[in-house]
Amino acid sequence: MKVSTSCCLPVPSKVAGLPAAQSALRFALCVLIAFLAQSVQAHGQETTSGLVAKVQRQYDQTRSIRADFSQETRSRAASLGTTAKGKLYFLKPRSIRWDYSEPKQQFVINAEKAWLYVPDEKTIYLYEVDQIINSPIVLSFFSGLGKLTKTFDISQLPPEPGPPMRFRLELLPRESESPVARVTLWIAAESYRVVRIQTEDPLGNINEITFTNVQVNASMEPSWFALNVPQGVRLERQEAMPLR
């Protein structure tokens, strides 16, 4: 069985190396953190605490998110890079879906299950959520209860000169066994929207995501996150290493 890991989707545990389910959930966490800062209205001289308060308020008011994304990952050990793109859907509480167009795959998490659908293989790889989510950080943000200042130490970095100029925030997790070691947000100076996010995991691997066509609180149905097995597609139950 061969499943592409270029888009950081989960693969069965029999595949060598760190299960890509962990990478997918790191990606999920990064996406949620990034969208905390969407539509933040601030001023260039605002303090970090003031900006973070507005970011948190925006997250609390967010019910759903849909967006296009492009993703680039770089492996520190292998000095290799991969790219992927697709559409993202997030609905509180605890539902998120990635529709990857290149390569064509789908990854979904709801309150009970997580699964990877690989159309080329006519297979759905199914996980129990508690098999892959065992981190207070991930669980709190997936549940819609995440609090930035309780979870991260946050500081402003020197802005990236333009044009266009970008403000930057650095987030360092307080949890010693966090799945991410560092998160950096690039925020457009003219709109105060997150335009880019970079994360580094404890092994030094880099994940960068760019968002376009973002819609916050767009209409969305819970059925979009339900497991439906197409005719002719087999279902394989898997075990995965928990994301701690």
Protein backbone atom coordinates (compact mmCIF):
# COMPACT_ATOMS: atom_id res chain seq x y z
CA MET A 1 0.00 0.00 0.00
CA LYS A 2 1.37 3.39 -0.97
CA VAL A 3 -0.06 6.70 0.19
CA SER A 4 1.43 10.07 -0.65
CA THR A 5 2.74 11.97 2.36
CA SER A 6 3.55 15.10 0.40
CA CYS A 7 0.41 16.80 1.67
CA CYS A 8 0.92 15.73 5.27
CA LEU A 9 -2.04 13.39 5.36
CA PRO A 10 -2.26 10.32 7.59
CA VAL A 11 -0.95 6.99 6.48
CA PRO A 12 -1.39 3.60 8.16
CA SER A 13 1.03 2.89 10.97
CA LYS A 14 2.73 0.13 8.98
CA VAL A 15 4.36 2.81 6.81
CA ALA A 16 7.86 3.59 8.08
CA GLY A 17 8.61 6.89 9.82
CA LEU A 18 6.48 9.28 11.85
CA PRO A 19 2.83 8.65 10.94
CA ALA A 20 1.56 11.38 8.68
CA ALA A 21 -1.56 11.57 10.82
CA GLN A 22 0.57 13.53 13.24
CA SER A 23 1.62 15.91 10.48
CA ALA A 24 -1.98 16.36 9.40
CA LEU A 25 -3.03 17.31 12.90
CA ARG A 26 -0.11 19.69 13.26
CA PHE A 27 -1.37 21.25 10.06
CA ALA A 28 -4.88 21.42 11.51
CA LEU A 29 -3.62 23.16 14.63
CA CYS A 30 -1.63 25.62 12.53
CA VAL A 31 -4.67 26.42 10.41
CA LEU A 32 -6.79 27.15 13.48
CA ILE A 33 -4.11 29.35 15.02
CA ALA A 34 -3.73 31.26 11.78
CA PHE A 35 -7.43 31.96 11.48
CA LEU A 36 -7.52 33.32 15.01
CA ALA A 37 -5.98 36.44 13.54
CA GLN A 38 -8.24 36.86 10.55
CA SER A 39 -9.93 40.27 10.35
CA VAL A 40 -8.03 41.63 13.35
CA GLN A 41 -8.28 45.42 13.33
CA ALA A 42 -5.25 46.90 15.05
CA HIS A 43 -2.67 49.65 14.72
CA GLY A 44 1.02 49.31 14.00
CA GLN A 45 1.98 50.63 17.43
CA GLU A 46 -0.41 48.40 19.37
CA THR A 47 1.04 46.31 22.18
CA THR A 48 1.34 42.57 21.86
CA SER A 49 -1.27 42.05 24.59
CA GLY A 50 -3.74 44.32 22.78
CA LEU A 51 -3.26 42.53 19.49
CA VAL A 52 -3.58 39.10 21.11
CA ALA A 53 -6.82 40.14 22.83
CA LYS A 54 -8.33 41.08 19.47
CA VAL A 55 -7.07 37.85 17.94
CA GLN A 56 -8.70 35.83 20.73
CA ARG A 57 -11.98 37.71 20.39
CA GLN A 58 -12.05 36.99 16.66
CA TYR A 59 -11.53 33.26 17.33
CA ASP A 60 -14.32 33.18 19.90
CA GLN A 61 -16.70 34.72 17.34
CA THR A 62 -15.72 32.33 14.56
CA ARG A 63 -18.17 29.50 13.89
CA SER A 64 -16.84 28.25 10.56
CA ILE A 65 -14.05 28.80 8.04
CA ARG A 66 -13.60 27.91 4.41
CA ALA A 67 -10.57 28.81 2.33
CA ASP A 68 -8.21 27.80 -0.44
CA PHE A 69 -4.71 26.90 0.70
CA SER A 70 -1.30 26.10 -0.67
CA GLN A 71 1.17 24.23 1.49
CA GLU A 72 4.92 23.68 1.38
CA THR A 73 6.81 21.34 3.69
CA ARG A 74 10.57 21.00 4.15
CA SER A 75 12.18 18.05 5.90
CA ARG A 76 15.26 18.91 7.92
CA ALA A 77 16.60 15.35 7.91
CA ALA A 78 16.13 14.64 4.22
CA SER A 79 16.57 18.19 2.86
CA LEU A 80 13.49 17.59 0.73
CA GLY A 81 10.50 19.80 0.02
CA THR A 82 6.96 18.99 -1.09
CA THR A 83 3.97 21.10 -2.11
CA ALA A 84 0.21 20.63 -2.09
CA LYS A 85 -2.94 22.69 -2.46
CA GLY A 86 -6.67 22.39 -1.98
CA LYS A 87 -9.67 23.60 0.00
CA LEU A 88 -10.18 23.73 3.76
CA TYR A 89 -13.44 23.56 5.75
CA PHE A 90 -13.69 24.02 9.54
CA LEU A 91 -16.89 23.94 11.62
CA LYS A 92 -17.04 24.27 15.39
CA PRO A 93 -16.97 22.11 17.35
CA ARG A 94 -14.36 19.57 16.26
CA SER A 95 -14.99 19.20 12.53
CA ILE A 96 -12.35 19.90 9.89
CA ARG A 97 -11.90 18.71 6.32
CA TRP A 98 -9.17 19.04 3.71
CA ASP A 99 -9.94 18.43 0.04
CA TYR A 100 -6.54 18.12 -1.64
CA SER A 101 -6.52 18.72 -5.39
CA GLU A 102 -2.84 17.87 -5.88
CA PRO A 103 -2.56 15.01 -5.05
CA LYS A 104 -6.28 14.18 -5.00
CA GLN A 105 -7.04 12.98 -1.47
CA GLN A 106 -9.40 13.92 1.34
CA PHE A 107 -8.79 14.00 5.09
CA VAL A 108 -11.64 14.56 7.58
CA ILE A 109 -11.92 14.75 11.37
CA ASN A 110 -15.17 14.93 13.31
CA ALA A 111 -16.01 14.37 16.98
CA GLU A 112 -15.57 10.59 16.75
CA LYS A 113 -13.62 9.57 13.65
CA ALA A 114 -10.76 10.60 11.39
CA TRP A 115 -10.24 9.21 7.92
CA LEU A 116 -8.14 9.50 4.78
CA TYR A 117 -9.82 8.84 1.44
CA VAL A 118 -7.49 7.96 -1.44
CA PRO A 119 -9.62 7.77 -4.62
CA ASP A 120 -6.83 6.26 -6.73
CA GLU A 121 -6.69 3.30 -4.33
CA LYS A 122 -10.46 3.15 -3.80
CA THR A 123 -9.72 2.99 -0.07
CA ILE A 124 -10.70 4.89 3.08
CA TYR A 125 -8.26 4.54 6.01
CA LEU A 126 -10.25 4.98 9.23
CA TYR A 127 -9.01 6.03 12.70
CA GLU A 128 -10.65 6.66 16.05
CA VAL A 129 -10.10 10.30 17.00
CA ASP A 130 -8.56 9.43 20.36
CA GLN A 131 -5.96 7.33 18.51
CA ILE A 132 -4.40 10.44 17.03
CA ILE A 133 -5.43 13.34 19.27
CA ASN A 134 -3.93 13.17 22.73
CA SER A 135 -2.71 16.72 23.21
CA PRO A 136 -4.40 19.44 25.28
CA ILE A 137 -3.37 22.03 22.68
CA VAL A 138 -4.89 20.22 19.73
CA LEU A 139 -7.99 19.11 21.63
CA SER A 140 -8.76 22.57 22.98
CA PHE A 141 -8.50 24.30 19.60
CA PHE A 142 -10.47 21.56 17.86
CA SER A 143 -13.20 21.92 20.48
CA GLY A 144 -13.39 25.66 19.99
CA LEU A 145 -12.10 26.37 23.49
CA GLY A 146 -8.52 27.36 22.70
CA LYS A 147 -7.03 30.29 24.60
CA LEU A 148 -3.92 31.75 23.02
CA THR A 149 -2.35 33.26 26.13
CA LYS A 150 -2.87 30.05 28.13
CA THR A 151 -1.35 27.90 25.40
CA PHE A 152 1.47 30.04 23.98
CA ASP A 153 4.04 32.63 24.94
CA ILE A 154 3.53 35.30 22.28
CA SER A 155 5.86 38.05 21.11
CA GLN A 156 6.09 40.46 18.20
CA LEU A 157 9.03 40.04 15.83
CA PRO A 158 10.51 42.87 13.76
CA PRO A 159 8.21 43.47 10.78
CA GLU A 160 9.21 42.20 7.37
CA PRO A 161 9.94 45.26 5.21
CA GLY A 162 7.93 45.73 2.07
CA PRO A 163 6.49 46.41 -0.15
CA PRO A 164 4.20 45.07 1.09
CA MET A 165 5.11 45.27 4.76
CA ARG A 166 4.22 42.33 7.00
CA PHE A 167 3.89 42.32 10.76
CA ARG A 168 5.00 39.11 12.48
CA LEU A 169 3.95 37.29 15.64
CA GLU A 170 5.89 34.40 17.17
CA LEU A 171 4.05 31.79 19.25
CA LEU A 172 6.00 29.39 21.49
CA PRO A 173 3.96 26.58 23.11
CA ARG A 174 3.98 26.28 26.86
CA GLU A 175 3.25 22.55 26.76
CA SER A 176 6.54 20.65 26.92
CA GLU A 177 5.35 17.87 24.60
CA SER A 178 3.60 20.11 22.08
CA PRO A 179 3.42 18.84 18.47
CA VAL A 180 4.76 22.22 17.33
CA ALA A 181 7.90 23.95 18.58
CA ARG A 182 7.32 27.36 17.01
CA VAL A 183 4.63 29.19 15.03
CA THR A 184 5.22 32.39 13.07
CA LEU A 185 2.36 34.46 11.63
CA TRP A 186 2.79 37.02 8.84
CA ILE A 187 0.07 39.68 9.06
CA ALA A 188 -0.66 42.13 6.24
CA ALA A 189 -0.08 45.69 7.43
CA GLU A 190 -2.92 47.08 5.33
CA SER A 191 -5.62 44.64 6.47
CA TYR A 192 -4.28 42.86 9.57
CA ARG A 193 -5.13 39.49 8.07
CA VAL A 194 -2.88 36.46 8.31
CA VAL A 195 -1.42 35.89 4.86
CA ARG A 196 1.16 33.26 5.72
CA ILE A 197 1.95 30.88 8.56
CA GLN A 198 5.13 28.91 9.22
CA THR A 199 5.46 26.16 11.81
CA GLU A 200 8.44 24.18 13.02
CA ASP A 201 8.02 20.82 14.73
CA PRO A 202 10.33 19.48 17.46
CA LEU A 203 12.45 17.75 14.78
CA GLY A 204 13.04 20.98 12.86
CA ASN A 205 10.70 20.22 9.95
CA ILE A 206 9.09 23.31 8.41
CA ASN A 207 5.50 23.68 7.22
CA GLU A 208 4.34 26.86 5.42
CA ILE A 209 0.75 27.62 4.45
CA THR A 210 -0.70 30.47 2.40
CA PHE A 211 -4.43 31.24 2.44
CA THR A 212 -6.65 32.80 -0.23
CA ASN A 213 -10.39 33.27 -0.74
CA VAL A 214 -11.03 33.10 3.01
CA GLN A 215 -14.66 33.07 4.18
CA VAL A 216 -15.35 33.30 7.92
CA ASN A 217 -18.74 32.13 9.27
CA ALA A 218 -19.82 30.92 5.85
CA SER A 219 -22.80 28.59 5.65
CA MET A 220 -21.74 24.99 6.25
CA GLU A 221 -23.53 21.70 6.96
CA PRO A 222 -22.47 19.08 9.53
CA SER A 223 -23.12 16.46 6.84
CA TRP A 224 -20.00 17.71 5.05
CA PHE A 225 -17.98 16.03 7.81
CA ALA A 226 -19.87 12.72 7.91
CA LEU A 227 -18.34 9.44 6.78
CA ASN A 228 -19.92 8.21 3.55
CA VAL A 229 -18.30 5.24 1.84
CA PRO A 230 -18.76 5.40 -1.96
CA GLN A 231 -19.76 2.25 -3.77
CA GLY A 232 -16.74 0.13 -4.66
CA VAL A 233 -14.52 1.75 -2.00
CA ARG A 234 -13.15 -0.44 0.79
CA LEU A 235 -12.85 0.67 4.42
CA GLU A 236 -9.68 -0.20 6.36
CA ARG A 237 -9.49 0.44 10.09
CA GLN A 238 -6.07 1.65 11.20
CA GLU A 239 -4.06 2.30 14.31
CA ALA A 240 -2.02 5.47 14.68
CA MET A 241 0.52 6.87 17.10
CA PRO A 242 -1.19 9.53 19.27
CA LEU A 243 -0.34 13.14 18.52
CA ARG A 244 0.95 14.41 21.87
